């Protein structure tokens, strides 16, 4: 509802991040950074993001968890 009383409706059939409209790697990085950087800071956030992207090649998860702590 707008200040002038108009009511505006907008329907999104497939939201960004849904199966029909998946997020790109760049979108995921931006969302991750927006959520994690305020908590962990820039450097830790970058390390954690890189560690998450390479989970398939990762060894013990302890290294990943180290980056996840503020």
PDB file of N, CA and C in Angstrom:
ATOM      1  N   UNK A   1       0.846  -1.175   0.000  1.00  0.00           N
ATOM      2  CA  UNK A   1       0.000   0.000   0.000  1.00  0.00           C
ATOM      3  C   UNK A   1       0.889   1.235   0.000  1.00  0.00           C
ATOM      4  N   UNK A   2       0.634   2.105  -0.948  1.00  0.00           N
ATOM      5  CA  UNK A   2       1.427   3.330  -1.094  1.00  0.00           C
ATOM      6  C   UNK A   2       0.859   4.441  -0.221  1.00  0.00           C
ATOM      7  N   UNK A   3       1.645   5.483  -0.032  1.00  0.00           N
ATOM      8  CA  UNK A   3       1.234   6.631   0.769  1.00  0.00           C
ATOM      9  C   UNK A   3      -0.038   7.252   0.203  1.00  0.00           C
ATOM     10  N   UNK A   4      -0.173   7.249  -1.123  1.00  0.00           N
ATOM     11  CA  UNK A   4      -1.349   7.861  -1.743  1.00  0.00           C
ATOM     12  C   UNK A   4      -2.574   6.940  -1.760  1.00  0.00           C
ATOM     13  N   UNK A   5      -2.459   5.764  -1.124  1.00  0.00           N
ATOM     14  CA  UNK A   5      -3.588   4.861  -1.029  1.00  0.00           C
ATOM     15  C   UNK A   5      -3.649   3.777  -2.095  1.00  0.00           C
ATOM     16  N   UNK A   6      -2.835   3.912  -3.138  1.00  0.00           N
ATOM     17  CA  UNK A   6      -2.827   2.876  -4.176  1.00  0.00           C
ATOM     18  C   UNK A   6      -2.287   1.576  -3.597  1.00  0.00           C
ATOM     19  N   UNK A   7      -2.846   0.474  -4.069  1.00  0.00           N
ATOM     20  CA  UNK A   7      -2.356  -0.844  -3.685  1.00  0.00           C
ATOM     21  C   UNK A   7      -1.715  -1.467  -4.912  1.00  0.00           C
ATOM     22  N   UNK A   8      -0.471  -1.883  -4.779  1.00  0.00           N
ATOM     23  CA  UNK A   8       0.277  -2.436  -5.899  1.00  0.00           C
ATOM     24  C   UNK A   8       0.545  -3.912  -5.614  1.00  0.00           C
ATOM     25  N   UNK A   9       0.228  -4.745  -6.584  1.00  0.00           N
ATOM     26  CA  UNK A   9       0.489  -6.178  -6.479  1.00  0.00           C
ATOM     27  C   UNK A   9       1.493  -6.560  -7.556  1.00  0.00           C
ATOM     28  N   UNK A  10       2.438  -7.404  -7.198  1.00  0.00           N
ATOM     29  CA  UNK A  10       3.405  -7.914  -8.172  1.00  0.00           C
ATOM     30  C   UNK A  10       3.646  -9.378  -7.860  1.00  0.00           C
ATOM     31  N   UNK A  11       3.444 -10.224  -8.845  1.00  0.00           N
ATOM     32  CA  UNK A  11       3.628 -11.659  -8.638  1.00  0.00           C
ATOM     33  C   UNK A  11       4.934 -12.095  -9.303  1.00  0.00           C
ATOM     34  N   UNK A  12       5.714 -12.868  -8.568  1.00  0.00           N
ATOM     35  CA  UNK A  12       6.948 -13.445  -9.096  1.00  0.00           C
ATOM     36  C   UNK A  12       6.736 -14.954  -9.137  1.00  0.00           C
ATOM     37  N   UNK A  13       6.630 -15.504 -10.334  1.00  0.00           N
ATOM     38  CA  UNK A  13       6.375 -16.936 -10.466  1.00  0.00           C
ATOM     39  C   UNK A  13       7.560 -17.781  -9.997  1.00  0.00           C
ATOM     40  N   UNK A  14       8.752 -17.331 -10.323  1.00  0.00           N
ATOM     41  CA  UNK A  14       9.943 -18.098  -9.967  1.00  0.00           C
ATOM     42  C   UNK A  14      10.978 -17.151  -9.375  1.00  0.00           C
ATOM     43  N   UNK A  15      11.075 -17.168  -8.066  1.00  0.00           N
ATOM     44  CA  UNK A  15      12.004 -16.278  -7.363  1.00  0.00           C
ATOM     45  C   UNK A  15      13.447 -16.701  -7.625  1.00  0.00           C
ATOM     46  N   UNK A  16      14.331 -15.734  -7.586  1.00  0.00           N
ATOM     47  CA  UNK A  16      15.751 -16.013  -7.726  1.00  0.00           C
ATOM     48  C   UNK A  16      16.174 -16.972  -6.627  1.00  0.00           C
ATOM     49  N   UNK A  17      16.820 -18.054  -7.005  1.00  0.00           N
ATOM     50  CA  UNK A  17      17.244 -19.073  -6.062  1.00  0.00           C
ATOM     51  C   UNK A  17      16.342 -20.291  -6.071  1.00  0.00           C
ATOM     52  N   UNK A  18      15.241 -20.216  -6.803  1.00  0.00           N
ATOM     53  CA  UNK A  18      14.360 -21.381  -6.906  1.00  0.00           C
ATOM     54  C   UNK A  18      14.930 -22.366  -7.926  1.00  0.00           C
ATOM     55  N   UNK A  19      14.365 -23.539  -7.992  1.00  0.00           N
ATOM     56  CA  UNK A  19      14.827 -24.550  -8.949  1.00  0.00           C
ATOM     57  C   UNK A  19      14.676 -24.032 -10.375  1.00  0.00           C
ATOM     58  N   UNK A  20      13.589 -23.320 -10.621  1.00  0.00           N
ATOM     59  CA  UNK A  20      13.331 -22.811 -11.967  1.00  0.00           C
ATOM     60  C   UNK A  20      14.238 -21.641 -12.335  1.00  0.00           C
ATOM     61  N   UNK A  21      14.790 -20.966 -11.333  1.00  0.00           N
ATOM     62  CA  UNK A  21      15.631 -19.786 -11.568  1.00  0.00           C
ATOM     63  C   UNK A  21      16.807 -19.794 -10.583  1.00  0.00           C
ATOM     64  N   UNK A  22      17.734 -20.734 -10.769  1.00  0.00           N
ATOM     65  CA  UNK A  22      18.835 -20.854  -9.803  1.00  0.00           C
ATOM     66  C   UNK A  22      19.758 -19.634  -9.809  1.00  0.00           C
ATOM     67  N   UNK A  23      20.408 -19.441  -8.686  1.00  0.00           N
ATOM     68  CA  UNK A  23      21.367 -18.345  -8.572  1.00  0.00           C
ATOM     69  C   UNK A  23      22.667 -18.733  -9.270  1.00  0.00           C
ATOM     70  N   UNK A  24      23.320 -17.752  -9.852  1.00  0.00           N
ATOM     71  CA  UNK A  24      24.634 -17.991 -10.453  1.00  0.00           C
ATOM     72  C   UNK A  24      25.675 -18.048  -9.342  1.00  0.00           C
ATOM     73  N   UNK A  25      26.852 -18.516  -9.664  1.00  0.00           N
ATOM     74  CA  UNK A  25      27.939 -18.530  -8.677  1.00  0.00           C
ATOM     75  C   UNK A  25      28.214 -17.120  -8.182  1.00  0.00           C
ATOM     76  N   UNK A  26      28.144 -16.160  -9.071  1.00  0.00           N
ATOM     77  CA  UNK A  26      28.389 -14.762  -8.694  1.00  0.00           C
ATOM     78  C   UNK A  26      27.307 -14.269  -7.716  1.00  0.00           C
ATOM     79  N   UNK A  27      26.033 -14.641  -7.990  1.00  0.00           N
ATOM     80  CA  UNK A  27      24.941 -14.284  -7.081  1.00  0.00           C
ATOM     81  C   UNK A  27      25.153 -14.909  -5.703  1.00  0.00           C
ATOM     82  N   UNK A  28      25.562 -16.184  -5.692  1.00  0.00           N
ATOM     83  CA  UNK A  28      25.807 -16.873  -4.419  1.00  0.00           C
ATOM     84  C   UNK A  28      26.941 -16.215  -3.643  1.00  0.00           C
ATOM     85  N   UNK A  29      28.016 -15.850  -4.346  1.00  0.00           N
ATOM     86  CA  UNK A  29      29.138 -15.174  -3.687  1.00  0.00           C
ATOM     87  C   UNK A  29      28.687 -13.854  -3.070  1.00  0.00           C
ATOM     88  N   UNK A  30      27.904 -13.088  -3.816  1.00  0.00           N
ATOM     89  CA  UNK A  30      27.440 -11.791  -3.316  1.00  0.00           C
ATOM     90  C   UNK A  30      26.543 -11.964  -2.088  1.00  0.00           C
ATOM     91  N   UNK A  31      25.648 -12.945  -2.129  1.00  0.00           N
ATOM     92  CA  UNK A  31      24.770 -13.182  -0.982  1.00  0.00           C
ATOM     93  C   UNK A  31      25.575 -13.657   0.227  1.00  0.00           C
ATOM     94  N   UNK A  32      26.513 -14.578  -0.011  1.00  0.00           N
ATOM     95  CA  UNK A  32      27.372 -15.072   1.064  1.00  0.00           C
ATOM     96  C   UNK A  32      28.115 -13.909   1.711  1.00  0.00           C
ATOM     97  N   UNK A  33      28.746 -13.075   0.889  1.00  0.00           N
ATOM     98  CA  UNK A  33      29.510 -11.941   1.416  1.00  0.00           C
ATOM     99  C   UNK A  33      28.623 -10.981   2.207  1.00  0.00           C
ATOM    100  N   UNK A  34      27.433 -10.701   1.691  1.00  0.00           N
ATOM    101  CA  UNK A  34      26.531  -9.769   2.375  1.00  0.00           C
ATOM    102  C   UNK A  34      26.126 -10.293   3.751  1.00  0.00           C
ATOM    103  N   UNK A  35      25.991 -11.605   3.874  1.00  0.00           N
ATOM    104  CA  UNK A  35      25.570 -12.185   5.149  1.00  0.00           C
ATOM    105  C   UNK A  35      26.730 -12.463   6.096  1.00  0.00           C
ATOM    106  N   UNK A  36      27.887 -12.840   5.561  1.00  0.00           N
ATOM    107  CA  UNK A  36      28.988 -13.316   6.396  1.00  0.00           C
ATOM    108  C   UNK A  36      29.992 -12.213   6.739  1.00  0.00           C
ATOM    109  N   UNK A  37      30.280 -11.321   5.820  1.00  0.00           N
ATOM    110  CA  UNK A  37      31.286 -10.285   6.084  1.00  0.00           C
ATOM    111  C   UNK A  37      30.987  -9.438   7.317  1.00  0.00           C
ATOM    112  N   UNK A  38      29.736  -9.036   7.556  1.00  0.00           N
ATOM    113  CA  UNK A  38      29.488  -8.243   8.772  1.00  0.00           C
ATOM    114  C   UNK A  38      29.801  -8.996  10.068  1.00  0.00           C
ATOM    115  N   UNK A  39      29.772 -10.316  10.016  1.00  0.00           N
ATOM    116  CA  UNK A  39      30.025 -11.116  11.213  1.00  0.00           C
ATOM    117  C   UNK A  39      31.500 -11.485  11.340  1.00  0.00           C
ATOM    118  N   UNK A  40      32.097 -11.939  10.239  1.00  0.00           N
ATOM    119  CA  UNK A  40      33.475 -12.447  10.298  1.00  0.00           C
ATOM    120  C   UNK A  40      34.528 -11.475   9.783  1.00  0.00           C
ATOM    121  N   UNK A  41      34.112 -10.461   9.050  1.00  0.00           N
ATOM    122  CA  UNK A  41      35.077  -9.561   8.442  1.00  0.00           C
ATOM    123  C   UNK A  41      35.460 -10.053   7.051  1.00  0.00           C
ATOM    124  N   UNK A  42      36.128  -9.195   6.297  1.00  0.00           N
ATOM    125  CA  UNK A  42      36.448  -9.483   4.907  1.00  0.00           C
ATOM    126  C   UNK A  42      37.360 -10.666   4.676  1.00  0.00           C
ATOM    127  N   UNK A  43      38.483 -10.724   5.384  1.00  0.00           N
ATOM    128  CA  UNK A  43      39.469 -11.783   5.137  1.00  0.00           C
ATOM    129  C   UNK A  43      38.919 -13.158   5.514  1.00  0.00           C
ATOM    130  N   UNK A  44      38.337 -13.279   6.698  1.00  0.00           N
ATOM    131  CA  UNK A  44      37.791 -14.574   7.120  1.00  0.00           C
ATOM    132  C   UNK A  44      36.642 -14.993   6.211  1.00  0.00           C
ATOM    133  N   UNK A  45      35.834 -14.030   5.816  1.00  0.00           N
ATOM    134  CA  UNK A  45      34.713 -14.329   4.925  1.00  0.00           C
ATOM    135  C   UNK A  45      35.217 -14.888   3.599  1.00  0.00           C
ATOM    136  N   UNK A  46      36.239 -14.259   3.043  1.00  0.00           N
ATOM    137  CA  UNK A  46      36.818 -14.738   1.772  1.00  0.00           C
ATOM    138  C   UNK A  46      37.367 -16.144   1.916  1.00  0.00           C
ATOM    139  N   UNK A  47      38.104 -16.397   2.983  1.00  0.00           N
ATOM    140  CA  UNK A  47      38.679 -17.731   3.209  1.00  0.00           C
ATOM    141  C   UNK A  47      37.585 -18.787   3.354  1.00  0.00           C
ATOM    142  N   UNK A  48      36.539 -18.442   4.111  1.00  0.00           N
ATOM    143  CA  UNK A  48      35.449 -19.389   4.313  1.00  0.00           C
ATOM    144  C   UNK A  48      34.715 -19.655   3.001  1.00  0.00           C
ATOM    145  N   UNK A  49      34.467 -18.607   2.208  1.00  0.00           N
ATOM    146  CA  UNK A  49      33.795 -18.779   0.922  1.00  0.00           C
ATOM    147  C   UNK A  49      34.610 -19.675   0.012  1.00  0.00           C
ATOM    148  N   UNK A  50      35.916 -19.446  -0.052  1.00  0.00           N
ATOM    149  CA  UNK A  50      36.783 -20.281  -0.894  1.00  0.00           C
ATOM    150  C   UNK A  50      36.794 -21.725  -0.401  1.00  0.00           C
ATOM    151  N   UNK A  51      36.805 -21.903   0.904  1.00  0.00           N
ATOM    152  CA  UNK A  51      36.787 -23.250   1.464  1.00  0.00           C
ATOM    153  C   UNK A  51      35.467 -23.954   1.134  1.00  0.00           C
ATOM    154  N   UNK A  52      34.378 -23.224   1.180  1.00  0.00           N
ATOM    155  CA  UNK A  52      33.078 -23.815   0.838  1.00  0.00           C
ATOM    156  C   UNK A  52      33.030 -24.229  -0.625  1.00  0.00           C
ATOM    157  N   UNK A  53      33.585 -23.402  -1.512  1.00  0.00           N
ATOM    158  CA  UNK A  53      33.592 -23.738  -2.939  1.00  0.00           C
ATOM    159  C   UNK A  53      34.471 -24.951  -3.229  1.00  0.00           C
ATOM    160  N   UNK A  54      35.421 -25.262  -2.360  1.00  0.00           N
ATOM    161  CA  UNK A  54      36.287 -26.411  -2.631  1.00  0.00           C
ATOM    162  C   UNK A  54      36.051 -27.569  -1.666  1.00  0.00           C
ATOM    163  N   UNK A  55      34.833 -27.708  -1.184  1.00  0.00           N
ATOM    164  CA  UNK A  55      34.519 -28.794  -0.257  1.00  0.00           C
ATOM    165  C   UNK A  55      34.775 -30.167  -0.861  1.00  0.00           C
ATOM    166  N   UNK A  56      34.575 -30.307  -2.158  1.00  0.00           N
ATOM    167  CA  UNK A  56      34.776 -31.618  -2.798  1.00  0.00           C
ATOM    168  C   UNK A  56      36.223 -32.077  -2.671  1.00  0.00           C
ATOM    169  N   UNK A  57      37.160 -31.131  -2.652  1.00  0.00           N
ATOM    170  CA  UNK A  57      38.583 -31.479  -2.544  1.00  0.00           C
ATOM    171  C   UNK A  57      39.109 -31.333  -1.121  1.00  0.00           C
ATOM    172  N   UNK A  58      38.229 -30.957  -0.202  1.00  0.00           N
ATOM    173  CA  UNK A  58      38.661 -30.640   1.161  1.00  0.00           C
ATOM    174  C   UNK A  58      39.071 -31.891   1.933  1.00  0.00           C
ATOM    175  N   UNK A  59      39.971 -31.666   2.833  1.00  0.00           N
ATOM    176  CA  UNK A  59      40.363 -32.712   3.770  1.00  0.00           C
ATOM    177  C   UNK A  59      39.460 -32.611   4.986  1.00  0.00           C
ATOM    178  N   UNK A  60      40.058 -32.656   6.153  1.00  0.00           N
ATOM    179  CA  UNK A  60      39.267 -32.566   7.389  1.00  0.00           C
ATOM    180  C   UNK A  60      38.504 -31.238   7.463  1.00  0.00           C
ATOM    181  N   UNK A  61      37.323 -31.279   8.006  1.00  0.00           N
ATOM    182  CA  UNK A  61      36.496 -30.076   8.090  1.00  0.00           C
ATOM    183  C   UNK A  61      36.997 -29.095   9.138  1.00  0.00           C
ATOM    184  N   UNK A  62      37.946 -29.483   9.953  1.00  0.00           N
ATOM    185  CA  UNK A  62      38.446 -28.584  10.991  1.00  0.00           C
ATOM    186  C   UNK A  62      38.981 -27.281  10.402  1.00  0.00           C
ATOM    187  N   UNK A  63      39.659 -27.362   9.251  1.00  0.00           N
ATOM    188  CA  UNK A  63      40.188 -26.145   8.616  1.00  0.00           C
ATOM    189  C   UNK A  63      39.046 -25.220   8.211  1.00  0.00           C
ATOM    190  N   UNK A  64      37.976 -25.767   7.693  1.00  0.00           N
ATOM    191  CA  UNK A  64      36.825 -24.967   7.298  1.00  0.00           C
ATOM    192  C   UNK A  64      36.185 -24.331   8.521  1.00  0.00           C
ATOM    193  N   UNK A  65      36.034 -25.092   9.578  1.00  0.00           N
ATOM    194  CA  UNK A  65      35.401 -24.573  10.796  1.00  0.00           C
ATOM    195  C   UNK A  65      36.219 -23.466  11.443  1.00  0.00           C
ATOM    196  N   UNK A  66      37.526 -23.506  11.278  1.00  0.00           N
ATOM    197  CA  UNK A  66      38.386 -22.452  11.818  1.00  0.00           C
ATOM    198  C   UNK A  66      38.008 -21.098  11.225  1.00  0.00           C
ATOM    199  N   UNK A  67      37.681 -21.077   9.932  1.00  0.00           N
ATOM    200  CA  UNK A  67      37.315 -19.821   9.263  1.00  0.00           C
ATOM    201  C   UNK A  67      35.908 -19.375   9.624  1.00  0.00           C
ATOM    202  N   UNK A  68      35.101 -20.274  10.168  1.00  0.00           N
ATOM    203  CA  UNK A  68      33.702 -19.957  10.446  1.00  0.00           C
ATOM    204  C   UNK A  68      33.479 -19.318  11.812  1.00  0.00           C
ATOM    205  N   UNK A  69      34.533 -19.165  12.581  1.00  0.00           N
ATOM    206  CA  UNK A  69      34.384 -18.561  13.909  1.00  0.00           C
ATOM    207  C   UNK A  69      34.761 -17.090  13.879  1.00  0.00           C
ATOM    208  N   UNK A  70      33.944 -16.247  14.525  1.00  0.00           N
ATOM    209  CA  UNK A  70      34.285 -14.799  14.573  1.00  0.00           C
ATOM    210  C   UNK A  70      35.533 -14.541  15.406  1.00  0.00           C
TER     211      UNK A  70
END
